[in-house]
Amino acid sequence: MSRGKNQKFKLVYLMELMKENTDDEHGLTMPEIVEKLERDYDVTAERKSIYADFTDMTDKLDIEIIKEQEGRKTKYHVGSREFELAEVKLLVDAIQSSKFITKNKSTELINKLKKFVSKYQASALQSQAFINVPVKSMNKSVLFNVDEIYTAIKENKQIMFKYYKWDINKKLIPRRDGKWFEVSPWGLTWMDENYYMIAFDAWDCKVKSYRVDKIKDISLKDEKRIGEKEFKKYDMSNLSKSTFAMYGGTKTRVRIQFENSMCGVFLDRFGEKDINFLPIGDNWSEFSVEVNVSQHFYGWLFGLGTKVRLVSPNSVVEELKEYGKAFMENIGAV
């Protein structure tokens, strides 16, 4: 038997072949393995050497190779892996639902995860992978930001960056008229499908949270971090209290009017693609959107204050009034 050109990589290619082409539901016979090695990888191998490689893969490389009898055929397949299929599915779901990861980066990460399972399992994952979260970040530098923040924390350094907000034209504009933010980062947390940096702001002398997807032009400073004492006193639950979930209730299209300074609240919640702002005055606009009408929705509206008003449909407006009336009557009640 003539030797193939890639003989020195035989074990590597055999591992790749088995991990890609086999799983608990799909196995390969020894003749099929020999044929695939030669055809796809230009590697020639005898049965005995493959049996020895299977032993090494199982005992030394933690890649379990299982031998099973199917009728008159003996087949081999990979058993345990670095990630089980359920674990990969969990990671795919997390990536899909993450607002701070762009659509393109989500697709890229999911494609990488598919390499941890067989091609058959990857095909099933692909059929379930719908990147349809309406508020996916448009900031391609999010992962770079995360890396820089982790580096700053590890090296005990302050950072500087530009911080952005939405304007009424659905454009991200810099806060503080484009002036640099200089803070001491102390942590990162994932809340309400967004990534937040927790940092001490010496300008305000307090700990604040910053949306990572609204940070741009981040860089490390030479100064050491400050504010450790204040961070240790910071209540992380404050961040979760500022979020809400509009679940339950009946899905209804509502019309909301707002002072233009509030536009970022709605763009962050519903996404810039799903709502259109219509001006109704010098400093007010309105839009319509489908929501699940519930107490959570009403509570969120109350929390936005007098710069926001619900105007239609009448049935929801009246229900909101009744909810507000009952809420006020309940204050101080014993």
Protein backbone atom coordinates (compact mmCIF):
# COMPACT_ATOMS: atom_id res chain seq x y z
CA MET A 1 0.00 0.00 0.00
CA SER A 2 1.48 3.34 -1.09
CA ARG A 3 1.68 6.00 1.57
CA GLY A 4 -0.38 9.17 1.27
CA LYS A 5 1.16 12.63 1.36
CA ASN A 6 -0.25 13.49 4.78
CA GLN A 7 0.78 10.42 6.77
CA LYS A 8 2.41 12.39 9.58
CA PHE A 9 -0.97 14.01 10.30
CA LYS A 10 -2.89 10.73 10.35
CA LEU A 11 -4.01 10.92 13.98
CA VAL A 12 -5.08 14.57 13.62
CA TYR A 13 -7.10 13.86 10.48
CA LEU A 14 -8.62 10.72 11.99
CA MET A 15 -9.83 12.75 14.99
CA GLU A 16 -11.27 15.40 12.66
CA LEU A 17 -12.97 12.77 10.51
CA MET A 18 -14.59 11.01 13.46
CA LYS A 19 -15.71 14.19 15.25
CA GLU A 20 -17.27 15.64 12.11
CA ASN A 21 -18.89 12.51 10.67
CA THR A 22 -20.03 10.51 13.69
CA ASP A 23 -22.18 10.88 16.79
CA ASP A 24 -24.50 8.68 18.88
CA GLU A 25 -26.86 8.33 15.91
CA HIS A 26 -24.30 8.03 13.10
CA GLY A 27 -21.35 5.65 12.90
CA LEU A 28 -18.79 4.56 10.28
CA THR A 29 -17.54 1.11 9.43
CA MET A 30 -13.80 0.46 9.28
CA PRO A 31 -13.80 0.26 5.44
CA GLU A 32 -15.63 3.63 5.34
CA ILE A 33 -13.05 5.17 7.68
CA VAL A 34 -10.13 3.87 5.59
CA GLU A 35 -11.78 5.14 2.40
CA LYS A 36 -12.53 8.61 3.82
CA LEU A 37 -8.99 9.01 5.14
CA GLU A 38 -7.54 8.29 1.73
CA ARG A 39 -10.10 10.21 -0.34
CA ASP A 40 -10.57 13.30 1.82
CA TYR A 41 -7.19 13.62 3.57
CA ASP A 42 -4.72 11.74 1.36
CA VAL A 43 -3.82 9.43 4.24
CA THR A 44 -3.44 5.68 3.88
CA ALA A 45 -3.98 3.48 6.93
CA GLU A 46 -4.36 -0.16 7.91
CA ARG A 47 -7.00 -1.38 10.32
CA LYS A 48 -4.50 -2.21 13.07
CA SER A 49 -3.04 1.29 13.09
CA ILE A 50 -6.53 2.84 13.27
CA TYR A 51 -7.46 0.56 16.19
CA ALA A 52 -4.29 1.77 17.98
CA ASP A 53 -5.20 5.40 17.21
CA PHE A 54 -8.71 4.85 18.61
CA THR A 55 -7.15 3.58 21.85
CA ASP A 56 -4.90 6.64 22.06
CA MET A 57 -7.82 8.97 21.35
CA THR A 58 -9.88 7.41 24.14
CA ASP A 59 -7.16 6.92 26.77
CA LYS A 60 -4.89 9.91 26.17
CA LEU A 61 -6.93 12.58 24.37
CA ASP A 62 -10.34 12.17 26.09
CA ILE A 63 -12.10 11.57 22.76
CA GLU A 64 -14.24 8.52 23.43
CA ILE A 65 -14.56 6.13 20.49
CA ILE A 66 -17.43 3.66 20.84
CA LYS A 67 -17.73 0.39 18.92
CA GLU A 68 -21.28 -0.85 18.19
CA GLN A 69 -22.80 -3.66 16.22
CA GLU A 70 -25.55 -2.77 13.73
CA GLY A 71 -26.81 -5.98 12.22
CA ARG A 72 -23.83 -7.55 10.51
CA LYS A 73 -21.85 -4.31 10.45
CA THR A 74 -19.47 -3.02 13.08
CA LYS A 75 -19.51 0.76 13.36
CA TYR A 76 -17.49 3.30 15.31
CA HIS A 77 -18.52 6.73 16.55
CA VAL A 78 -17.46 9.50 18.92
CA GLY A 79 -19.13 9.32 22.32
CA SER A 80 -18.34 12.06 24.84
CA ARG A 81 -17.07 15.42 23.51
CA GLU A 82 -15.71 18.71 24.88
CA PHE A 83 -19.29 20.02 24.68
CA GLU A 84 -22.43 17.92 24.62
CA LEU A 85 -25.12 18.83 22.07
CA ALA A 86 -27.40 20.27 24.77
CA GLU A 87 -24.55 22.51 25.98
CA VAL A 88 -23.88 23.81 22.48
CA LYS A 89 -27.60 24.49 22.02
CA LEU A 90 -27.59 26.45 25.27
CA LEU A 91 -24.66 28.58 24.10
CA VAL A 92 -26.30 29.16 20.69
CA ASP A 93 -29.51 30.33 22.39
CA ALA A 94 -27.53 32.71 24.60
CA ILE A 95 -25.73 34.21 21.60
CA GLN A 96 -28.94 34.59 19.61
CA SER A 97 -30.72 36.41 22.42
CA SER A 98 -27.82 38.71 23.30
CA LYS A 99 -28.49 42.30 22.28
CA PHE A 100 -24.87 43.36 22.68
CA ILE A 101 -23.59 40.96 19.98
CA THR A 102 -24.10 42.09 16.38
CA LYS A 103 -25.95 39.88 13.92
CA ASN A 104 -22.80 39.14 11.91
CA LYS A 105 -20.77 38.31 15.02
CA SER A 106 -23.61 36.08 16.28
CA THR A 107 -23.52 34.10 13.03
CA GLU A 108 -19.73 33.85 13.22
CA LEU A 109 -19.77 32.58 16.81
CA ILE A 110 -22.51 30.05 16.11
CA ASN A 111 -20.53 28.69 13.15
CA LYS A 112 -17.55 28.21 15.46
CA LEU A 113 -19.68 26.41 18.02
CA LYS A 114 -20.97 24.02 15.34
CA LYS A 115 -17.44 22.61 15.07
CA PHE A 116 -17.87 21.06 18.51
CA VAL A 117 -20.57 18.69 17.21
CA SER A 118 -20.98 16.38 14.23
CA LYS A 119 -22.13 17.67 10.86
CA TYR A 120 -25.52 16.06 11.45
CA GLN A 121 -25.97 17.84 14.79
CA ALA A 122 -24.64 21.07 13.27
CA SER A 123 -27.31 20.84 10.58
CA ALA A 124 -29.99 20.58 13.27
CA LEU A 125 -28.49 23.59 15.07
CA GLN A 126 -28.52 25.58 11.83
CA SER A 127 -32.22 24.94 11.33
CA GLN A 128 -32.87 26.35 14.83
CA ALA A 129 -30.49 29.32 14.59
CA PHE A 130 -32.67 32.32 13.82
CA ILE A 131 -30.86 35.59 14.48
CA ASN A 132 -34.05 37.63 14.79
CA VAL A 133 -33.61 39.60 18.01
CA PRO A 134 -34.91 43.06 17.00
CA VAL A 135 -32.50 45.05 19.16
CA LYS A 136 -29.18 43.52 18.08
CA SER A 137 -26.32 45.94 18.62
CA MET A 138 -24.90 47.77 15.61
CA ASN A 139 -21.60 48.42 17.42
CA LYS A 140 -19.04 46.01 15.95
CA SER A 141 -16.46 46.88 18.62
CA VAL A 142 -18.38 45.36 21.54
CA LEU A 143 -16.13 42.31 21.90
CA PHE A 144 -13.04 44.53 21.64
CA ASN A 145 -14.52 46.75 24.37
CA VAL A 146 -15.08 43.74 26.61
CA ASP A 147 -11.49 42.60 26.08
CA GLU A 148 -10.12 46.05 26.88
CA ILE A 149 -12.23 46.33 30.03
CA TYR A 150 -11.07 42.92 31.25
CA THR A 151 -7.47 43.93 30.53
CA ALA A 152 -7.91 47.16 32.51
CA ILE A 153 -9.35 45.24 35.46
CA LYS A 154 -6.55 42.68 35.33
CA GLU A 155 -3.84 45.35 35.09
CA ASN A 156 -5.55 47.65 37.63
CA LYS A 157 -5.77 50.58 35.20
CA GLN A 158 -8.28 53.30 34.42
CA ILE A 159 -9.82 53.63 30.95
CA MET A 160 -11.06 56.45 28.75
CA PHE A 161 -13.75 56.29 26.08
CA LYS A 162 -16.51 58.12 24.25
CA TYR A 163 -20.04 57.30 25.42
CA TYR A 164 -23.05 57.53 23.09
CA LYS A 165 -26.83 57.90 23.22
CA TRP A 166 -29.69 57.84 20.69
CA ASP A 167 -31.07 61.02 19.14
CA ILE A 168 -34.50 61.52 17.56
CA ASN A 169 -33.06 60.64 14.12
CA LYS A 170 -32.06 57.16 15.34
CA LYS A 171 -28.39 58.10 15.29
CA LEU A 172 -25.92 57.49 18.08
CA ILE A 173 -24.44 60.77 19.22
CA PRO A 174 -21.72 61.33 21.84
CA ARG A 175 -22.68 62.31 25.35
CA ARG A 176 -21.07 65.29 27.12
CA ASP A 177 -20.59 66.92 23.69
CA GLY A 178 -17.98 64.32 22.76
CA LYS A 179 -15.82 64.78 25.84
CA TRP A 180 -13.89 61.77 27.09
CA PHE A 181 -15.22 59.65 29.94
CA GLU A 182 -12.47 58.56 32.34
CA VAL A 183 -13.42 55.83 34.82
CA SER A 184 -12.07 52.95 36.88
CA PRO A 185 -13.71 49.68 35.76
CA TRP A 186 -14.44 47.13 38.48
CA GLY A 187 -16.73 44.60 36.83
CA LEU A 188 -18.83 43.46 33.89
CA THR A 189 -22.33 42.04 34.16
CA TRP A 190 -24.93 40.76 31.73
CA MET A 191 -28.40 42.07 32.58
CA ASP A 192 -31.63 42.13 30.56
CA GLU A 193 -29.76 40.83 27.47
CA ASN A 194 -27.26 43.72 27.60
CA TYR A 195 -23.65 43.94 28.79
CA TYR A 196 -22.86 46.58 31.42
CA MET A 197 -19.56 47.82 32.79
CA ILE A 198 -19.59 48.76 36.47
CA ALA A 199 -17.07 51.52 37.08
CA PHE A 200 -16.17 54.32 39.49
CA ASP A 201 -16.53 57.77 37.96
CA ALA A 202 -14.24 60.22 39.76
CA TRP A 203 -16.02 63.13 38.03
CA ASP A 204 -19.23 62.28 39.95
CA CYS A 205 -17.49 60.47 42.81
CA LYS A 206 -19.75 57.42 42.53
CA VAL A 207 -20.11 53.98 40.95
CA LYS A 208 -22.09 53.88 37.69
CA SER A 209 -23.13 51.35 35.04
CA TYR A 210 -22.34 51.85 31.35
CA ARG A 211 -23.81 49.95 28.38
CA VAL A 212 -20.81 48.31 26.68
CA ASP A 213 -22.42 48.53 23.22
CA LYS A 214 -22.58 52.33 23.57
CA ILE A 215 -18.88 52.68 24.31
CA LYS A 216 -16.49 53.64 21.51
CA ASP A 217 -12.80 54.53 21.14
CA ILE A 218 -11.85 52.82 24.40
CA SER A 219 -8.23 52.84 25.58
CA LEU A 220 -6.26 52.13 28.75
CA LYS A 221 -4.70 54.89 30.83
CA ASP A 222 -1.51 54.71 32.86
CA GLU A 223 -3.27 55.75 36.08
CA LYS A 224 -4.20 53.07 38.61
CA ARG A 225 -7.87 52.42 39.36
CA ILE A 226 -9.63 54.22 42.19
CA GLY A 227 -12.98 53.73 43.93
CA GLU A 228 -12.51 50.18 45.27
CA LYS A 229 -14.15 51.07 48.58
CA GLU A 230 -17.17 52.60 46.81
CA PHE A 231 -17.49 49.58 44.49
CA LYS A 232 -17.59 47.16 47.43
CA LYS A 233 -20.57 49.09 48.77
CA TYR A 234 -22.35 49.11 45.40
CA ASP A 235 -25.58 47.12 45.29
CA MET A 236 -25.63 45.16 42.01
CA SER A 237 -29.36 44.61 42.43
CA ASN A 238 -29.86 48.30 41.60
CA LEU A 239 -29.05 47.47 38.00
CA SER A 240 -31.59 44.65 37.80
CA LYS A 241 -34.24 46.87 39.36
CA SER A 242 -33.86 49.31 36.47
CA THR A 243 -34.89 46.67 33.91
CA PHE A 244 -38.28 45.19 33.16
CA ALA A 245 -39.89 42.44 31.12
CA MET A 246 -43.07 42.92 29.12
CA TYR A 247 -44.41 39.39 29.36
CA GLY A 248 -47.92 38.05 29.76
CA GLY A 249 -51.01 39.96 28.74
CA THR A 250 -52.48 40.46 25.28
CA LYS A 251 -50.30 41.59 22.41
CA THR A 252 -51.65 44.97 21.30
CA ARG A 253 -50.42 47.80 19.09
CA VAL A 254 -50.20 50.95 21.20
CA ARG A 255 -49.38 54.56 20.33
CA ILE A 256 -47.02 56.46 22.58
CA GLN A 257 -46.09 60.15 22.56
CA PHE A 258 -42.92 61.42 24.19
CA GLU A 259 -40.61 64.35 24.66
CA ASN A 260 -37.74 63.97 22.17
CA SER A 261 -35.15 63.66 24.94
CA MET A 262 -36.73 60.27 25.79
CA CYS A 263 -36.17 58.70 22.35
CA GLY A 264 -33.23 56.58 23.50
CA VAL A 265 -35.41 54.73 26.00
CA PHE A 266 -37.63 53.41 23.20
CA LEU A 267 -34.84 52.68 20.74
CA ASP A 268 -33.06 50.60 23.39
CA ARG A 269 -36.25 48.73 24.27
CA PHE A 270 -37.77 48.08 20.83
CA GLY A 271 -34.92 48.54 18.33
CA GLU A 272 -34.42 51.19 15.68
CA LYS A 273 -35.77 49.00 12.88
CA ASP A 274 -39.19 48.29 14.40
CA ILE A 275 -40.35 51.79 15.31
CA ASN A 276 -40.69 55.02 13.35
CA PHE A 277 -40.85 58.39 15.07
CA LEU A 278 -43.30 61.01 13.80
CA PRO A 279 -42.89 64.61 14.99
CA ILE A 280 -46.00 66.13 16.59
CA GLY A 281 -44.58 69.42 17.81
CA ASP A 282 -41.38 71.34 18.39
CA ASN A 283 -40.07 68.91 20.96
CA TRP A 284 -42.46 65.94 20.92
CA SER A 285 -42.85 62.86 18.74
CA GLU A 286 -44.88 59.66 18.66
CA PHE A 287 -44.65 56.06 17.46
CA SER A 288 -46.66 52.84 17.55
CA VAL A 289 -45.45 49.40 18.56
CA GLU A 290 -46.82 46.00 19.56
CA VAL A 291 -46.43 45.12 23.25
CA ASN A 292 -47.84 42.57 25.65
CA VAL A 293 -50.19 44.76 27.67
CA SER A 294 -49.69 43.87 31.32
CA GLN A 295 -48.97 45.39 34.72
CA HIS A 296 -45.27 45.25 33.83
CA PHE A 297 -45.93 47.44 30.82
CA TYR A 298 -47.98 49.93 32.85
CA GLY A 299 -45.37 50.01 35.58
CA TRP A 300 -42.69 50.76 33.01
CA LEU A 301 -44.74 53.66 31.60
CA PHE A 302 -45.27 55.12 35.10
CA GLY A 303 -41.55 54.92 35.68
CA LEU A 304 -40.84 57.09 32.61
CA GLY A 305 -42.66 60.03 34.20
CA THR A 306 -44.51 62.95 32.64
CA LYS A 307 -42.38 63.12 29.50
CA VAL A 308 -44.22 60.09 28.09
CA ARG A 309 -47.94 59.50 27.49
CA LEU A 310 -49.99 56.59 26.16
CA VAL A 311 -52.62 57.83 23.69
CA SER A 312 -54.19 54.75 22.07
CA PRO A 313 -56.03 52.44 21.86
CA ASN A 314 -58.72 53.82 24.17
CA SER A 315 -59.26 50.47 25.89
CA VAL A 316 -55.61 50.32 26.98
CA VAL A 317 -55.58 54.01 27.96
CA GLU A 318 -58.61 53.48 30.20
CA GLU A 319 -57.11 50.36 31.71
CA LEU A 320 -53.92 52.30 32.46
CA LYS A 321 -55.98 55.01 34.19
CA GLU A 322 -57.77 52.39 36.31
CA TYR A 323 -54.45 50.76 37.16
CA GLY A 324 -53.02 54.13 38.20
CA LYS A 325 -56.08 54.97 40.26
CA ALA A 326 -55.96 51.63 42.07
CA PHE A 327 -52.24 52.06 42.65
CA MET A 328 -52.71 55.50 44.22
CA GLU A 329 -55.57 54.27 46.42
CA ASN A 330 -53.36 51.43 47.63
CA ILE A 331 -50.59 53.76 48.79
CA GLY A 332 -50.57 53.89 52.56
CA ALA A 333 -53.52 51.50 52.82
CA VAL A 334 -53.50 49.17 55.81
